[in-house]
């Protein structure tokens, strides 16, 4: 039951993040790109830049903030996945960036805060 709730919460967060990014001028190219052991939540274009977006969603901060879940291991996987995606899509923009969207909900129906971090690095 918990896995289903987490997947539903993740899908909701990705929907909200996609709408948020579109409202800020990005074009969503793909969602949930899977590589063998990792996934890119959102692939978008921002001007002449190909953007890979990690979305983290939480209801409250009881289990930590969404930002705290980006570990060095996760960042390394994001970089690898972004480079692999670029190899598969050579006609996409040359400039690459990895962003994060943090979605904090009060309840599954009420948004507390959406924060967009551009060009995250550790």
Protein backbone atom coordinates (compact mmCIF):
# COMPACT_ATOMS: atom_id res chain seq x y z
CA UNK A 1 0.00 0.00 0.00
CA UNK A 2 2.83 2.42 0.81
CA UNK A 3 4.46 1.91 -2.60
CA UNK A 4 1.22 2.77 -4.37
CA UNK A 5 0.84 5.94 -2.27
CA UNK A 6 4.44 6.97 -3.00
CA UNK A 7 3.96 6.44 -6.74
CA UNK A 8 0.72 8.43 -6.66
CA UNK A 9 2.40 11.20 -4.68
CA UNK A 10 5.33 11.20 -7.11
CA UNK A 11 3.01 11.38 -10.10
CA UNK A 12 1.10 14.28 -8.51
CA UNK A 13 4.38 16.12 -7.83
CA UNK A 14 5.53 15.60 -11.42
CA UNK A 15 2.21 16.92 -12.74
CA UNK A 16 2.47 20.03 -10.57
CA UNK A 17 6.12 20.54 -11.49
CA UNK A 18 5.36 20.17 -15.21
CA UNK A 19 2.62 22.80 -15.01
CA UNK A 20 4.90 25.09 -13.00
CA UNK A 21 7.77 24.77 -15.48
CA UNK A 22 5.45 25.34 -18.45
CA UNK A 23 4.13 28.48 -16.77
CA UNK A 24 7.76 29.70 -16.61
CA UNK A 25 8.32 29.17 -20.34
CA UNK A 26 9.87 25.70 -20.51
CA UNK A 27 8.75 23.17 -23.10
CA UNK A 28 8.30 19.68 -21.68
CA UNK A 29 9.87 17.17 -24.06
CA UNK A 30 9.52 13.94 -22.10
CA UNK A 31 8.52 12.62 -18.70
CA UNK A 32 9.80 9.58 -16.83
CA UNK A 33 12.71 8.73 -19.10
CA UNK A 34 14.06 5.39 -17.84
CA UNK A 35 17.64 4.24 -17.99
CA UNK A 36 18.58 0.84 -16.65
CA UNK A 37 18.89 1.85 -12.97
CA UNK A 38 17.66 5.42 -12.89
CA UNK A 39 15.03 7.77 -14.20
CA UNK A 40 14.77 11.39 -15.25
CA UNK A 41 11.45 12.80 -14.10
CA UNK A 42 11.16 15.61 -16.65
CA UNK A 43 13.15 16.51 -19.75
CA UNK A 44 12.49 20.05 -20.96
CA UNK A 45 13.88 22.80 -23.14
CA UNK A 46 14.60 26.25 -21.70
CA UNK A 47 15.61 28.51 -24.58
CA UNK A 48 18.65 26.78 -26.10
CA UNK A 49 19.25 24.51 -23.08
CA UNK A 50 18.20 20.90 -22.57
CA UNK A 51 17.06 20.64 -18.95
CA UNK A 52 16.81 17.48 -16.86
CA UNK A 53 14.54 17.96 -13.88
CA UNK A 54 14.43 15.88 -10.72
CA UNK A 55 11.13 16.29 -8.88
CA UNK A 56 10.87 15.57 -5.16
CA UNK A 57 7.49 15.70 -3.46
CA UNK A 58 6.64 15.55 0.23
CA UNK A 59 3.58 16.04 2.36
CA UNK A 60 5.02 18.23 5.10
CA UNK A 61 8.62 17.84 6.27
CA UNK A 62 8.19 14.98 8.73
CA UNK A 63 10.64 12.85 6.75
CA UNK A 64 12.93 15.71 5.74
CA UNK A 65 12.72 18.29 3.04
CA UNK A 66 12.64 17.36 -0.64
CA UNK A 67 15.99 19.12 -1.08
CA UNK A 68 17.65 16.80 1.45
CA UNK A 69 16.91 13.80 -0.75
CA UNK A 70 19.39 14.83 -3.47
CA UNK A 71 22.42 12.83 -2.41
CA UNK A 72 25.81 12.65 -4.16
CA UNK A 73 24.80 9.18 -5.44
CA UNK A 74 21.52 10.55 -6.84
CA UNK A 75 23.36 13.46 -8.46
CA UNK A 76 25.85 11.07 -10.07
CA UNK A 77 22.96 9.01 -11.49
CA UNK A 78 21.28 12.15 -12.82
CA UNK A 79 24.46 13.20 -14.63
CA UNK A 80 24.89 9.73 -16.13
CA UNK A 81 21.26 9.57 -17.20
CA UNK A 82 21.40 13.07 -18.72
CA UNK A 83 24.50 12.16 -20.75
CA UNK A 84 22.86 8.92 -21.91
CA UNK A 85 19.71 10.81 -22.92
CA UNK A 86 21.84 13.26 -24.92
CA UNK A 87 23.53 10.36 -26.74
CA UNK A 88 20.12 9.02 -27.74
CA UNK A 89 18.91 12.46 -28.86
CA UNK A 90 21.86 14.08 -30.66
CA UNK A 91 19.70 16.77 -32.33
CA UNK A 92 18.61 18.18 -28.97
CA UNK A 93 20.25 21.39 -27.69
CA UNK A 94 23.96 21.11 -26.88
CA UNK A 95 23.76 23.05 -23.62
CA UNK A 96 22.70 20.82 -20.72
CA UNK A 97 21.47 21.64 -17.21
CA UNK A 98 20.15 19.66 -14.25
CA UNK A 99 17.41 21.29 -12.16
CA UNK A 100 15.29 20.26 -9.24
CA UNK A 101 11.69 21.08 -8.40
CA UNK A 102 10.70 20.70 -4.76
CA UNK A 103 6.98 20.22 -4.14
CA UNK A 104 5.72 20.45 -0.57
CA UNK A 105 2.06 19.69 0.02
CA UNK A 106 -0.09 20.38 3.07
CA UNK A 107 -2.38 17.53 1.99
CA UNK A 108 -2.57 15.63 -1.29
CA UNK A 109 -5.05 18.29 -2.44
CA UNK A 110 -3.32 21.44 -1.11
CA UNK A 111 0.01 22.85 -2.26
CA UNK A 112 2.21 24.49 0.36
CA UNK A 113 5.18 25.46 -1.81
CA UNK A 114 6.83 24.75 -5.15
CA UNK A 115 10.48 25.73 -5.49
CA UNK A 116 12.55 25.49 -8.66
CA UNK A 117 16.32 25.17 -8.31
CA UNK A 118 18.28 25.74 -11.52
CA UNK A 119 21.62 24.11 -12.26
CA UNK A 120 21.96 22.05 -9.08
CA UNK A 121 25.38 20.69 -8.18
CA UNK A 122 26.85 19.17 -5.07
